[in-house]
Amino acid sequence: MFPFLLFGCATDASYYTLSGQKHTYHRIIYKHSACLDEGIMRVYDEFYRAINPFDSQSTISHVNRNEAVQLDPLFIEAFNRAMELAKQTDGAFDPTCAPLINRWGFGYEERPEAAQAESLECLKTYVGYDKIELSHDVIVKQDPRVQLNFSAIGDGFACEVIARYLEGQGVCDYLVDIGGEMIASGKNPSGNDWSVGIVQPPKQLGGSPADTFSAILHLSGKAALATSGNYNNFRRVNGKLRGHTIDPWTGYPVETNVLSVTVIAPDCVTADAYATALLVSTEDRLDRLLRAAIDYYIIYLDAADNYRIRQSEGMKRYIH
């Protein structure tokens, strides 16, 4: 799921690297006359207080519990973007899948027991982005059991928030990498374009970790990138390995011959949402989504269990 960052040894002392782990890892490299780590972590913490469903005191947690809360600007921005992208993808990306994500044990409520078809059918009655709206800065639900989870765009949104802060400080050369979602701008410490390797994923869940790259992308100017795949986040349910990506139409973890999807889009939130949407879509929906204003690199298995690639014409310009 996570691309690897590739660059030469840093020689410019004005480059700073901030790395660590919150819910997922973060790695931020930027060129500036002073260290901005404190400011970066301040905006990162603000992001977490707004939309992290694993924090019981976050704005999204209060919304999910139907508690009175003043919606902060980051939550409102995330909600509006999520609704917009849900509509664009016809629900392939759906931020109201929280009950299904929780039921399979991948969400903020631990539900290790196996999901049964009957209970899933019940959960699906209050899953759907058309069942919730924002009206005059107040969340309105058709059913109080509707819950939100922005995790499918969370890392991409975090990249956007941090990139905005860096650009506001006059930073032109940077890379923000949150859990494998990235925004790259300008040059790396070697003075070259930022280079990102797309990992060749294992053919099945639980397979040996990949030690090769399917492609190396060279990102010039400014680019936003996201990758989705199940091979780094899965669990065993009733003896069967299940990936974390949930099909919003069936309620089950997606089962597909698509191993990973990498998307380059105008912004990282769009890239993140479309990477998820392409992973869960059947062939008929996939063809429509691939006509969006994105570039994509899809790794899948053919009928003979061989690796195959499907990519946009635009993606080819990033591969040298």
C-alpha atoms as a PDB file:
ATOM      1  CA  MET A   1       0.000   0.000   0.000  1.00  0.00           C
ATOM      2  CA  PHE A   2       2.858   2.358   0.724  1.00  0.00           C
ATOM      3  CA  PRO A   3       5.213   3.589  -2.021  1.00  0.00           C
ATOM      4  CA  PHE A   4       8.854   4.014  -1.117  1.00  0.00           C
ATOM      5  CA  LEU A   5      10.599   7.361  -1.379  1.00  0.00           C
ATOM      6  CA  LEU A   6      13.847   7.343  -3.357  1.00  0.00           C
ATOM      7  CA  PHE A   7      16.455  10.104  -3.496  1.00  0.00           C
ATOM      8  CA  GLY A   8      20.194  10.660  -3.195  1.00  0.00           C
ATOM      9  CA  CYS A   9      22.068  11.780  -0.110  1.00  0.00           C
ATOM     10  CA  ALA A  10      21.044  15.208   1.159  1.00  0.00           C
ATOM     11  CA  THR A  11      23.764  17.813   0.710  1.00  0.00           C
ATOM     12  CA  ASP A  12      21.753  20.992   1.312  1.00  0.00           C
ATOM     13  CA  ALA A  13      21.765  21.883   5.026  1.00  0.00           C
ATOM     14  CA  SER A  14      18.558  23.894   4.621  1.00  0.00           C
ATOM     15  CA  TYR A  15      16.539  20.730   4.108  1.00  0.00           C
ATOM     16  CA  TYR A  16      14.753  19.458   7.211  1.00  0.00           C
ATOM     17  CA  THR A  17      13.182  16.048   7.804  1.00  0.00           C
ATOM     18  CA  LEU A  18      10.342  15.455  10.252  1.00  0.00           C
ATOM     19  CA  SER A  19       9.254  11.856  10.736  1.00  0.00           C
ATOM     20  CA  GLY A  20       7.292   9.866  13.265  1.00  0.00           C
ATOM     21  CA  GLN A  21       4.044   8.006  13.832  1.00  0.00           C
ATOM     22  CA  LYS A  22       0.570   8.948  14.918  1.00  0.00           C
ATOM     23  CA  HIS A  23      -2.156   6.601  13.705  1.00  0.00           C
ATOM     24  CA  THR A  24       0.097   6.033  10.690  1.00  0.00           C
ATOM     25  CA  TYR A  25       3.627   7.140   9.835  1.00  0.00           C
ATOM     26  CA  HIS A  26       4.509  10.602   8.600  1.00  0.00           C
ATOM     27  CA  ARG A  27       7.635  11.803   6.802  1.00  0.00           C
ATOM     28  CA  ILE A  28       7.960  15.441   5.787  1.00  0.00           C
ATOM     29  CA  ILE A  29      11.007  16.819   4.006  1.00  0.00           C
ATOM     30  CA  TYR A  30      11.214  20.527   3.257  1.00  0.00           C
ATOM     31  CA  LYS A  31      13.670  23.276   2.381  1.00  0.00           C
ATOM     32  CA  HIS A  32      13.554  26.410   4.483  1.00  0.00           C
ATOM     33  CA  SER A  33      15.781  28.884   6.304  1.00  0.00           C
ATOM     34  CA  ALA A  34      14.455  27.700   9.678  1.00  0.00           C
ATOM     35  CA  CYS A  35      12.992  24.577  11.237  1.00  0.00           C
ATOM     36  CA  LEU A  36       9.194  24.501  10.901  1.00  0.00           C
ATOM     37  CA  ASP A  37       8.610  21.224  12.742  1.00  0.00           C
ATOM     38  CA  GLU A  38       6.648  22.825  15.587  1.00  0.00           C
ATOM     39  CA  GLY A  39       4.240  24.545  13.211  1.00  0.00           C
ATOM     40  CA  ILE A  40       3.820  21.380  11.131  1.00  0.00           C
ATOM     41  CA  MET A  41       2.897  19.323  14.172  1.00  0.00           C
ATOM     42  CA  ARG A  42       0.505  22.025  15.359  1.00  0.00           C
ATOM     43  CA  VAL A  43      -1.532  21.877  12.136  1.00  0.00           C
ATOM     44  CA  TYR A  44      -1.251  18.071  12.111  1.00  0.00           C
ATOM     45  CA  ASP A  45      -2.710  17.969  15.630  1.00  0.00           C
ATOM     46  CA  GLU A  46      -5.543  20.287  14.540  1.00  0.00           C
ATOM     47  CA  PHE A  47      -6.291  17.887  11.698  1.00  0.00           C
ATOM     48  CA  TYR A  48      -6.436  14.948  14.113  1.00  0.00           C
ATOM     49  CA  ARG A  49      -8.725  16.775  16.536  1.00  0.00           C
ATOM     50  CA  ALA A  50     -11.136  17.380  13.676  1.00  0.00           C
ATOM     51  CA  ILE A  51     -11.477  14.106  11.786  1.00  0.00           C
ATOM     52  CA  ASN A  52      -9.686  11.282  13.610  1.00  0.00           C
ATOM     53  CA  PRO A  53     -12.409   8.722  14.496  1.00  0.00           C
ATOM     54  CA  PHE A  54     -10.003   6.891  16.816  1.00  0.00           C
ATOM     55  CA  ASP A  55      -9.918   9.949  19.127  1.00  0.00           C
ATOM     56  CA  SER A  56     -13.058   9.878  21.264  1.00  0.00           C
ATOM     57  CA  GLN A  57     -12.926  13.669  21.684  1.00  0.00           C
ATOM     58  CA  SER A  58     -12.489  14.573  18.025  1.00  0.00           C
ATOM     59  CA  THR A  59     -15.181  16.511  16.176  1.00  0.00           C
ATOM     60  CA  ILE A  60     -16.081  13.494  14.048  1.00  0.00           C
ATOM     61  CA  SER A  61     -16.487  11.311  17.160  1.00  0.00           C
ATOM     62  CA  HIS A  62     -18.928  13.807  18.691  1.00  0.00           C
ATOM     63  CA  VAL A  63     -20.858  13.843  15.404  1.00  0.00           C
ATOM     64  CA  ASN A  64     -20.960  10.051  15.304  1.00  0.00           C
ATOM     65  CA  ARG A  65     -22.366   9.971  18.840  1.00  0.00           C
ATOM     66  CA  ASN A  66     -24.958  12.638  17.940  1.00  0.00           C
ATOM     67  CA  GLU A  67     -23.565  15.019  20.543  1.00  0.00           C
ATOM     68  CA  ALA A  68     -23.771  18.792  20.302  1.00  0.00           C
ATOM     69  CA  VAL A  69     -20.488  20.119  18.956  1.00  0.00           C
ATOM     70  CA  GLN A  70     -19.339  23.224  17.129  1.00  0.00           C
ATOM     71  CA  LEU A  71     -18.029  22.067  13.769  1.00  0.00           C
ATOM     72  CA  ASP A  72     -14.523  23.360  13.137  1.00  0.00           C
ATOM     73  CA  PRO A  73     -13.393  24.505   9.660  1.00  0.00           C
ATOM     74  CA  LEU A  74     -11.275  21.402   8.994  1.00  0.00           C
ATOM     75  CA  PHE A  75     -14.195  19.075   9.704  1.00  0.00           C
ATOM     76  CA  ILE A  76     -16.489  21.129   7.478  1.00  0.00           C
ATOM     77  CA  GLU A  77     -13.918  21.108   4.674  1.00  0.00           C
ATOM     78  CA  ALA A  78     -13.409  17.341   5.003  1.00  0.00           C
ATOM     79  CA  PHE A  79     -17.165  16.688   5.044  1.00  0.00           C
ATOM     80  CA  ASN A  80     -17.833  18.824   1.967  1.00  0.00           C
ATOM     81  CA  ARG A  81     -14.969  17.248   0.028  1.00  0.00           C
ATOM     82  CA  ALA A  82     -16.085  13.757   1.052  1.00  0.00           C
ATOM     83  CA  MET A  83     -19.660  14.375  -0.113  1.00  0.00           C
ATOM     84  CA  GLU A  84     -18.433  15.856  -3.390  1.00  0.00           C
ATOM     85  CA  LEU A  85     -16.173  12.879  -4.086  1.00  0.00           C
ATOM     86  CA  ALA A  86     -18.844  10.366  -3.044  1.00  0.00           C
ATOM     87  CA  LYS A  87     -21.138  11.859  -5.679  1.00  0.00           C
ATOM     88  CA  GLN A  88     -18.379  11.933  -8.304  1.00  0.00           C
ATOM     89  CA  THR A  89     -17.637   8.235  -7.746  1.00  0.00           C
ATOM     90  CA  ASP A  90     -21.314   7.203  -7.491  1.00  0.00           C
ATOM     91  CA  GLY A  91     -20.687   5.970  -3.953  1.00  0.00           C
ATOM     92  CA  ALA A  92     -17.646   3.799  -4.689  1.00  0.00           C
ATOM     93  CA  PHE A  93     -16.022   6.054  -2.127  1.00  0.00           C
ATOM     94  CA  ASP A  94     -18.546   6.493   0.682  1.00  0.00           C
ATOM     95  CA  PRO A  95     -17.643   8.218   3.983  1.00  0.00           C
ATOM     96  CA  THR A  96     -20.662   6.683   5.766  1.00  0.00           C
ATOM     97  CA  CYS A  97     -19.231   3.145   5.640  1.00  0.00           C
ATOM     98  CA  ALA A  98     -18.093   3.463   9.271  1.00  0.00           C
ATOM     99  CA  PRO A  99     -20.565   0.832  10.624  1.00  0.00           C
ATOM    100  CA  LEU A 100     -19.347  -1.686   8.025  1.00  0.00           C
ATOM    101  CA  ILE A 101     -15.681  -0.866   8.650  1.00  0.00           C
ATOM    102  CA  ASN A 102     -16.227  -1.289  12.388  1.00  0.00           C
ATOM    103  CA  ARG A 103     -18.147  -4.538  11.900  1.00  0.00           C
ATOM    104  CA  TRP A 104     -15.198  -6.142  10.128  1.00  0.00           C
ATOM    105  CA  GLY A 105     -12.743  -4.978  12.809  1.00  0.00           C
ATOM    106  CA  PHE A 106     -10.919  -2.264  10.842  1.00  0.00           C
ATOM    107  CA  GLY A 107     -12.518   0.797  12.415  1.00  0.00           C
ATOM    108  CA  TYR A 108     -12.536   2.756  15.654  1.00  0.00           C
ATOM    109  CA  GLU A 109     -14.828   0.207  17.330  1.00  0.00           C
ATOM    110  CA  GLU A 110     -13.310  -3.240  17.687  1.00  0.00           C
ATOM    111  CA  ARG A 111     -15.656  -5.874  16.264  1.00  0.00           C
ATOM    112  CA  PRO A 112     -13.522  -9.022  15.902  1.00  0.00           C
ATOM    113  CA  GLU A 113     -16.455 -11.373  15.431  1.00  0.00           C
ATOM    114  CA  ALA A 114     -17.283 -12.482  11.904  1.00  0.00           C
ATOM    115  CA  ALA A 115     -19.936 -10.467  10.135  1.00  0.00           C
ATOM    116  CA  GLN A 116     -23.064 -12.386   9.176  1.00  0.00           C
ATOM    117  CA  ALA A 117     -25.142 -11.602   6.088  1.00  0.00           C
ATOM    118  CA  GLU A 118     -28.208 -10.695   8.159  1.00  0.00           C
ATOM    119  CA  SER A 119     -26.407  -8.175  10.338  1.00  0.00           C
ATOM    120  CA  LEU A 120     -24.736  -6.653   7.301  1.00  0.00           C
ATOM    121  CA  GLU A 121     -28.105  -6.149   5.648  1.00  0.00           C
ATOM    122  CA  CYS A 122     -29.247  -4.278   8.735  1.00  0.00           C
ATOM    123  CA  LEU A 123     -26.112  -2.116   8.814  1.00  0.00           C
ATOM    124  CA  LYS A 124     -26.490  -1.276   5.136  1.00  0.00           C
ATOM    125  CA  THR A 125     -29.877   0.345   5.800  1.00  0.00           C
ATOM    126  CA  TYR A 126     -28.116   3.317   7.405  1.00  0.00           C
ATOM    127  CA  VAL A 127     -25.026   3.431   5.174  1.00  0.00           C
ATOM    128  CA  GLY A 128     -25.102   5.863   2.260  1.00  0.00           C
ATOM    129  CA  TYR A 129     -23.748   9.344   1.640  1.00  0.00           C
ATOM    130  CA  ASP A 130     -27.259  10.513   0.707  1.00  0.00           C
ATOM    131  CA  LYS A 131     -28.378   9.879   4.300  1.00  0.00           C
ATOM    132  CA  ILE A 132     -26.443  12.788   5.816  1.00  0.00           C
ATOM    133  CA  GLU A 133     -25.936  16.448   4.985  1.00  0.00           C
ATOM    134  CA  LEU A 134     -24.495  19.688   6.288  1.00  0.00           C
ATOM    135  CA  SER A 135     -27.084  22.426   6.720  1.00  0.00           C
ATOM    136  CA  HIS A 136     -26.082  25.834   8.142  1.00  0.00           C
ATOM    137  CA  ASP A 137     -22.989  24.283   9.771  1.00  0.00           C
ATOM    138  CA  VAL A 138     -25.090  21.569  11.429  1.00  0.00           C
ATOM    139  CA  ILE A 139     -24.966  17.859  10.557  1.00  0.00           C
ATOM    140  CA  VAL A 140     -28.387  16.463   9.708  1.00  0.00           C
ATOM    141  CA  LYS A 141     -28.861  12.677   9.577  1.00  0.00           C
ATOM    142  CA  GLN A 142     -31.802  10.743   8.170  1.00  0.00           C
ATOM    143  CA  ASP A 143     -31.059   8.070  10.769  1.00  0.00           C
ATOM    144  CA  PRO A 144     -29.183   8.740  14.048  1.00  0.00           C
ATOM    145  CA  ARG A 145     -27.174   5.550  13.485  1.00  0.00           C
ATOM    146  CA  VAL A 146     -25.421   7.057  10.445  1.00  0.00           C
ATOM    147  CA  GLN A 147     -21.709   7.401  11.209  1.00  0.00           C
ATOM    148  CA  LEU A 148     -18.779   8.945   9.378  1.00  0.00           C
ATOM    149  CA  ASN A 149     -15.274   7.699   8.742  1.00  0.00           C
ATOM    150  CA  PHE A 150     -12.972   9.840   6.590  1.00  0.00           C
ATOM    151  CA  SER A 151     -10.068   7.378   6.780  1.00  0.00           C
ATOM    152  CA  ALA A 152     -10.174   6.689   3.036  1.00  0.00           C
ATOM    153  CA  ILE A 153      -9.265  10.340   2.424  1.00  0.00           C
ATOM    154  CA  GLY A 154      -7.693  11.078   5.813  1.00  0.00           C
ATOM    155  CA  ASP A 155      -4.049  10.690   4.868  1.00  0.00           C
ATOM    156  CA  GLY A 156      -4.565  12.614   1.649  1.00  0.00           C
ATOM    157  CA  PHE A 157      -6.315  15.406   3.530  1.00  0.00           C
ATOM    158  CA  ALA A 158      -3.514  15.510   6.098  1.00  0.00           C
ATOM    159  CA  CYS A 159      -1.035  15.940   3.233  1.00  0.00           C
ATOM    160  CA  GLU A 160      -3.083  18.868   1.913  1.00  0.00           C
ATOM    161  CA  VAL A 161      -3.265  20.563   5.324  1.00  0.00           C
ATOM    162  CA  ILE A 162       0.483  20.298   5.897  1.00  0.00           C
ATOM    163  CA  ALA A 163       1.360  21.309   2.327  1.00  0.00           C
ATOM    164  CA  ARG A 164      -0.815  24.425   2.700  1.00  0.00           C
ATOM    165  CA  TYR A 165       1.033  25.332   5.879  1.00  0.00           C
ATOM    166  CA  LEU A 166       4.440  24.851   4.238  1.00  0.00           C
ATOM    167  CA  GLU A 167       3.479  26.948   1.223  1.00  0.00           C
ATOM    168  CA  GLY A 168       2.152  29.620   3.568  1.00  0.00           C
ATOM    169  CA  GLN A 169       5.641  29.746   5.079  1.00  0.00           C
ATOM    170  CA  GLY A 170       7.173  30.240   1.643  1.00  0.00           C
ATOM    171  CA  VAL A 171       8.354  26.651   1.165  1.00  0.00           C
ATOM    172  CA  CYS A 172       8.612  25.625  -2.499  1.00  0.00           C
ATOM    173  CA  ASP A 173      10.640  22.386  -2.245  1.00  0.00           C
ATOM    174  CA  TYR A 174       9.014  19.729  -0.103  1.00  0.00           C
ATOM    175  CA  LEU A 175       7.578  16.250   0.104  1.00  0.00           C
ATOM    176  CA  VAL A 176       4.750  15.391   2.500  1.00  0.00           C
ATOM    177  CA  ASP A 177       4.262  11.643   2.959  1.00  0.00           C
ATOM    178  CA  ILE A 178       1.467  10.522   5.287  1.00  0.00           C
ATOM    179  CA  GLY A 179       0.922   6.772   5.311  1.00  0.00           C
ATOM    180  CA  GLY A 180       2.028   6.490   1.686  1.00  0.00           C
ATOM    181  CA  GLU A 181      -0.104   9.321   0.339  1.00  0.00           C
ATOM    182  CA  MET A 182       2.088  12.137  -0.922  1.00  0.00           C
ATOM    183  CA  ILE A 183       2.366  15.664  -2.203  1.00  0.00           C
ATOM    184  CA  ALA A 184       5.668  16.535  -3.853  1.00  0.00           C
ATOM    185  CA  SER A 185       6.770  19.994  -4.894  1.00  0.00           C
ATOM    186  CA  GLY A 186       9.980  21.347  -6.381  1.00  0.00           C
ATOM    187  CA  LYS A 187      13.226  19.416  -5.928  1.00  0.00           C
ATOM    188  CA  ASN A 188      14.603  16.854  -3.497  1.00  0.00           C
ATOM    189  CA  PRO A 189      17.790  17.369  -1.441  1.00  0.00           C
ATOM    190  CA  SER A 190      19.902  16.215  -4.402  1.00  0.00           C
ATOM    191  CA  GLY A 191      18.395  18.901  -6.624  1.00  0.00           C
ATOM    192  CA  ASN A 192      16.442  16.373  -8.687  1.00  0.00           C
ATOM    193  CA  ASP A 193      12.756  15.587  -9.128  1.00  0.00           C
ATOM    194  CA  TRP A 194      11.224  13.610  -6.302  1.00  0.00           C
ATOM    195  CA  SER A 195      11.171   9.888  -7.163  1.00  0.00           C
ATOM    196  CA  VAL A 196       8.629   7.432  -5.775  1.00  0.00           C
ATOM    197  CA  GLY A 197       8.641   3.670  -6.231  1.00  0.00           C
ATOM    198  CA  ILE A 198       5.371   1.788  -6.690  1.00  0.00           C
ATOM    199  CA  VAL A 199       5.812  -1.514  -4.864  1.00  0.00           C
ATOM    200  CA  GLN A 200       4.941  -4.731  -6.660  1.00  0.00           C
ATOM    201  CA  PRO A 201       2.427  -6.196  -4.198  1.00  0.00           C
ATOM    202  CA  PRO A 202       2.186  -9.856  -3.196  1.00  0.00           C
ATOM    203  CA  LYS A 203      -0.329 -11.867  -5.190  1.00  0.00           C
ATOM    204  CA  GLN A 204      -2.429 -12.747  -2.154  1.00  0.00           C
ATOM    205  CA  LEU A 205      -3.120 -11.385   1.301  1.00  0.00           C
ATOM    206  CA  GLY A 206      -0.465 -12.546   3.718  1.00  0.00           C
ATOM    207  CA  GLY A 207       2.040 -13.104   0.923  1.00  0.00           C
ATOM    208  CA  SER A 208       5.732 -12.341   1.268  1.00  0.00           C
ATOM    209  CA  PRO A 209       6.544  -8.620   1.380  1.00  0.00           C
ATOM    210  CA  ALA A 210       7.450  -7.162  -1.983  1.00  0.00           C
ATOM    211  CA  ASP A 211      11.123  -6.428  -2.579  1.00  0.00           C
ATOM    212  CA  THR A 212      10.821  -5.000  -6.085  1.00  0.00           C
ATOM    213  CA  PHE A 213       9.209  -1.983  -7.689  1.00  0.00           C
ATOM    214  CA  SER A 214       6.671  -2.210 -10.455  1.00  0.00           C
ATOM    215  CA  ALA A 215       7.542   1.330 -11.563  1.00  0.00           C
ATOM    216  CA  ILE A 216       9.446   4.429 -10.486  1.00  0.00           C
ATOM    217  CA  LEU A 217       7.574   7.720 -10.795  1.00  0.00           C
ATOM    218  CA  HIS A 218       9.456  10.984 -11.274  1.00  0.00           C
ATOM    219  CA  LEU A 219       7.391  13.874  -9.949  1.00  0.00           C
ATOM    220  CA  SER A 220       8.244  17.294 -11.360  1.00  0.00           C
ATOM    221  CA  GLY A 221       6.641  20.589 -10.415  1.00  0.00           C
ATOM    222  CA  LYS A 222       3.876  19.733  -7.955  1.00  0.00           C
ATOM    223  CA  ALA A 223       2.046  16.412  -7.837  1.00  0.00           C
ATOM    224  CA  ALA A 224      -0.371  14.654  -5.475  1.00  0.00           C
ATOM    225  CA  LEU A 225      -0.311  10.855  -5.293  1.00  0.00           C
ATOM    226  CA  ALA A 226      -2.190   8.137  -3.433  1.00  0.00           C
ATOM    227  CA  THR A 227      -2.047   4.343  -3.463  1.00  0.00           C
ATOM    228  CA  SER A 228      -4.686   1.871  -2.263  1.00  0.00           C
ATOM    229  CA  GLY A 229      -4.281  -1.856  -1.749  1.00  0.00           C
ATOM    230  CA  ASN A 230      -5.257  -4.481   0.794  1.00  0.00           C
ATOM    231  CA  TYR A 231      -1.949  -6.260   1.250  1.00  0.00           C
ATOM    232  CA  ASN A 232      -0.720  -4.184   4.232  1.00  0.00           C
ATOM    233  CA  ASN A 233      -3.938  -4.137   6.264  1.00  0.00           C
ATOM    234  CA  PHE A 234      -5.916  -7.346   6.629  1.00  0.00           C
ATOM    235  CA  ARG A 235      -7.208  -9.746   9.262  1.00  0.00           C
ATOM    236  CA  ARG A 236      -8.345 -13.343   9.510  1.00  0.00           C
ATOM    237  CA  VAL A 237     -12.092 -13.873   9.952  1.00  0.00           C
ATOM    238  CA  ASN A 238     -13.392 -17.445  10.313  1.00  0.00           C
ATOM    239  CA  GLY A 239     -10.150 -18.778   8.869  1.00  0.00           C
ATOM    240  CA  LYS A 240     -10.200 -16.468   5.828  1.00  0.00           C
ATOM    241  CA  LEU A 241      -7.987 -13.440   5.287  1.00  0.00           C
ATOM    242  CA  ARG A 242      -9.987 -10.287   4.638  1.00  0.00           C
ATOM    243  CA  GLY A 243      -8.625  -6.949   3.399  1.00  0.00           C
ATOM    244  CA  HIS A 244      -9.572  -3.617   4.962  1.00  0.00           C
ATOM    245  CA  THR A 245     -11.226  -2.082   1.881  1.00  0.00           C
ATOM    246  CA  ILE A 246     -15.000  -2.469   2.208  1.00  0.00           C
ATOM    247  CA  ASP A 247     -17.342  -2.674  -0.761  1.00  0.00           C
ATOM    248  CA  PRO A 248     -20.116  -0.189   0.148  1.00  0.00           C
ATOM    249  CA  TRP A 249     -22.663  -2.034  -1.998  1.00  0.00           C
ATOM    250  CA  THR A 250     -22.195  -5.549  -0.604  1.00  0.00           C
ATOM    251  CA  GLY A 251     -20.940  -4.637   2.872  1.00  0.00           C
ATOM    252  CA  TYR A 252     -18.128  -7.180   2.553  1.00  0.00           C
ATOM    253  CA  PRO A 253     -14.382  -6.629   2.225  1.00  0.00           C
ATOM    254  CA  VAL A 254     -13.670  -6.317  -1.473  1.00  0.00           C
ATOM    255  CA  GLU A 255     -12.485  -9.414  -3.344  1.00  0.00           C
ATOM    256  CA  THR A 256     -10.867  -8.482  -6.624  1.00  0.00           C
ATOM    257  CA  ASN A 257      -7.984  -9.323  -8.919  1.00  0.00           C
ATOM    258  CA  VAL A 258      -6.800  -5.716  -8.530  1.00  0.00           C
ATOM    259  CA  LEU A 259      -3.832  -5.675  -6.146  1.00  0.00           C
ATOM    260  CA  SER A 260      -3.080  -1.960  -5.962  1.00  0.00           C
ATOM    261  CA  VAL A 261      -4.168   1.330  -7.465  1.00  0.00           C
ATOM    262  CA  THR A 262      -1.959   4.411  -7.639  1.00  0.00           C
ATOM    263  CA  VAL A 263      -3.573   7.706  -8.629  1.00  0.00           C
ATOM    264  CA  ILE A 264      -2.104  11.111  -9.441  1.00  0.00           C
ATOM    265  CA  ALA A 265      -4.711  13.873  -9.279  1.00  0.00           C
ATOM    266  CA  PRO A 266      -4.915  17.656  -8.931  1.00  0.00           C
ATOM    267  CA  ASP A 267      -5.012  17.300  -5.126  1.00  0.00           C
ATOM    268  CA  CYS A 268      -4.262  14.541  -2.659  1.00  0.00           C
ATOM    269  CA  VAL A 269      -7.821  14.213  -1.318  1.00  0.00           C
ATOM    270  CA  THR A 270      -9.080  13.465  -4.828  1.00  0.00           C
ATOM    271  CA  ALA A 271      -6.205  11.045  -5.420  1.00  0.00           C
ATOM    272  CA  ASP A 272      -6.951   9.240  -2.149  1.00  0.00           C
ATOM    273  CA  ALA A 273     -10.692   8.932  -2.809  1.00  0.00           C
ATOM    274  CA  TYR A 274     -10.262   7.721  -6.387  1.00  0.00           C
ATOM    275  CA  ALA A 275      -7.608   5.163  -5.403  1.00  0.00           C
ATOM    276  CA  THR A 276     -10.163   3.630  -3.026  1.00  0.00           C
ATOM    277  CA  ALA A 277     -13.028   3.937  -5.503  1.00  0.00           C
ATOM    278  CA  LEU A 278     -11.075   2.201  -8.273  1.00  0.00           C
ATOM    279  CA  LEU A 279     -10.121  -0.633  -5.924  1.00  0.00           C
ATOM    280  CA  VAL A 280     -13.749  -1.443  -5.045  1.00  0.00           C
ATOM    281  CA  SER A 281     -15.345  -0.896  -8.459  1.00  0.00           C
ATOM    282  CA  THR A 282     -16.515  -3.650 -10.759  1.00  0.00           C
ATOM    283  CA  GLU A 283     -15.518  -3.476 -14.417  1.00  0.00           C
ATOM    284  CA  ASP A 284     -18.519  -1.461 -15.586  1.00  0.00           C
ATOM    285  CA  ARG A 285     -18.109   1.160 -12.868  1.00  0.00           C
ATOM    286  CA  LEU A 286     -14.339   1.115 -13.313  1.00  0.00           C
ATOM    287  CA  ASP A 287     -14.508   2.195 -16.946  1.00  0.00           C
ATOM    288  CA  ARG A 288     -16.566   5.261 -16.038  1.00  0.00           C
ATOM    289  CA  LEU A 289     -14.315   6.270 -13.154  1.00  0.00           C
ATOM    290  CA  LEU A 290     -11.219   5.989 -15.335  1.00  0.00           C
ATOM    291  CA  ARG A 291     -12.586   8.781 -17.505  1.00  0.00           C
ATOM    292  CA  ALA A 292     -12.151  11.253 -14.619  1.00  0.00           C
ATOM    293  CA  ALA A 293      -9.389  13.876 -14.610  1.00  0.00           C
ATOM    294  CA  ILE A 294      -6.854  11.588 -12.959  1.00  0.00           C
ATOM    295  CA  ASP A 295      -3.849   9.503 -13.940  1.00  0.00           C
ATOM    296  CA  TYR A 296      -3.741   5.926 -12.714  1.00  0.00           C
ATOM    297  CA  TYR A 297      -1.476   2.881 -12.473  1.00  0.00           C
ATOM    298  CA  ILE A 298      -3.361  -0.334 -11.664  1.00  0.00           C
ATOM    299  CA  ILE A 299      -1.607  -3.607 -10.825  1.00  0.00           C
ATOM    300  CA  TYR A 300      -3.821  -6.662 -11.216  1.00  0.00           C
ATOM    301  CA  LEU A 301      -3.657 -10.406 -11.826  1.00  0.00           C
ATOM    302  CA  ASP A 302      -4.873 -11.989 -15.056  1.00  0.00           C
ATOM    303  CA  ALA A 303      -6.660 -15.355 -15.311  1.00  0.00           C
ATOM    304  CA  ALA A 304      -3.299 -17.149 -15.303  1.00  0.00           C
ATOM    305  CA  ASP A 305      -2.243 -15.379 -12.075  1.00  0.00           C
ATOM    306  CA  ASN A 306       0.305 -13.184 -13.842  1.00  0.00           C
ATOM    307  CA  TYR A 307       0.954  -9.539 -12.965  1.00  0.00           C
ATOM    308  CA  ARG A 308      -0.604  -7.102 -15.407  1.00  0.00           C
ATOM    309  CA  ILE A 309      -0.609  -3.298 -15.594  1.00  0.00           C
ATOM    310  CA  ARG A 310      -3.341  -0.924 -16.710  1.00  0.00           C
ATOM    311  CA  GLN A 311      -2.355   2.721 -16.813  1.00  0.00           C
ATOM    312  CA  SER A 312      -3.492   6.025 -18.238  1.00  0.00           C
ATOM    313  CA  GLU A 313      -1.628   7.695 -21.058  1.00  0.00           C
ATOM    314  CA  GLY A 314      -0.899  10.589 -18.738  1.00  0.00           C
ATOM    315  CA  MET A 315       0.760   8.331 -16.145  1.00  0.00           C
ATOM    316  CA  LYS A 316       3.407   7.315 -18.668  1.00  0.00           C
ATOM    317  CA  ARG A 317       5.006  10.760 -18.565  1.00  0.00           C
ATOM    318  CA  TYR A 318       5.957  10.169 -14.920  1.00  0.00           C
ATOM    319  CA  ILE A 319       7.749   6.882 -15.701  1.00  0.00           C
ATOM    320  CA  HIS A 320      11.206   7.211 -17.250  1.00  0.00           C
END
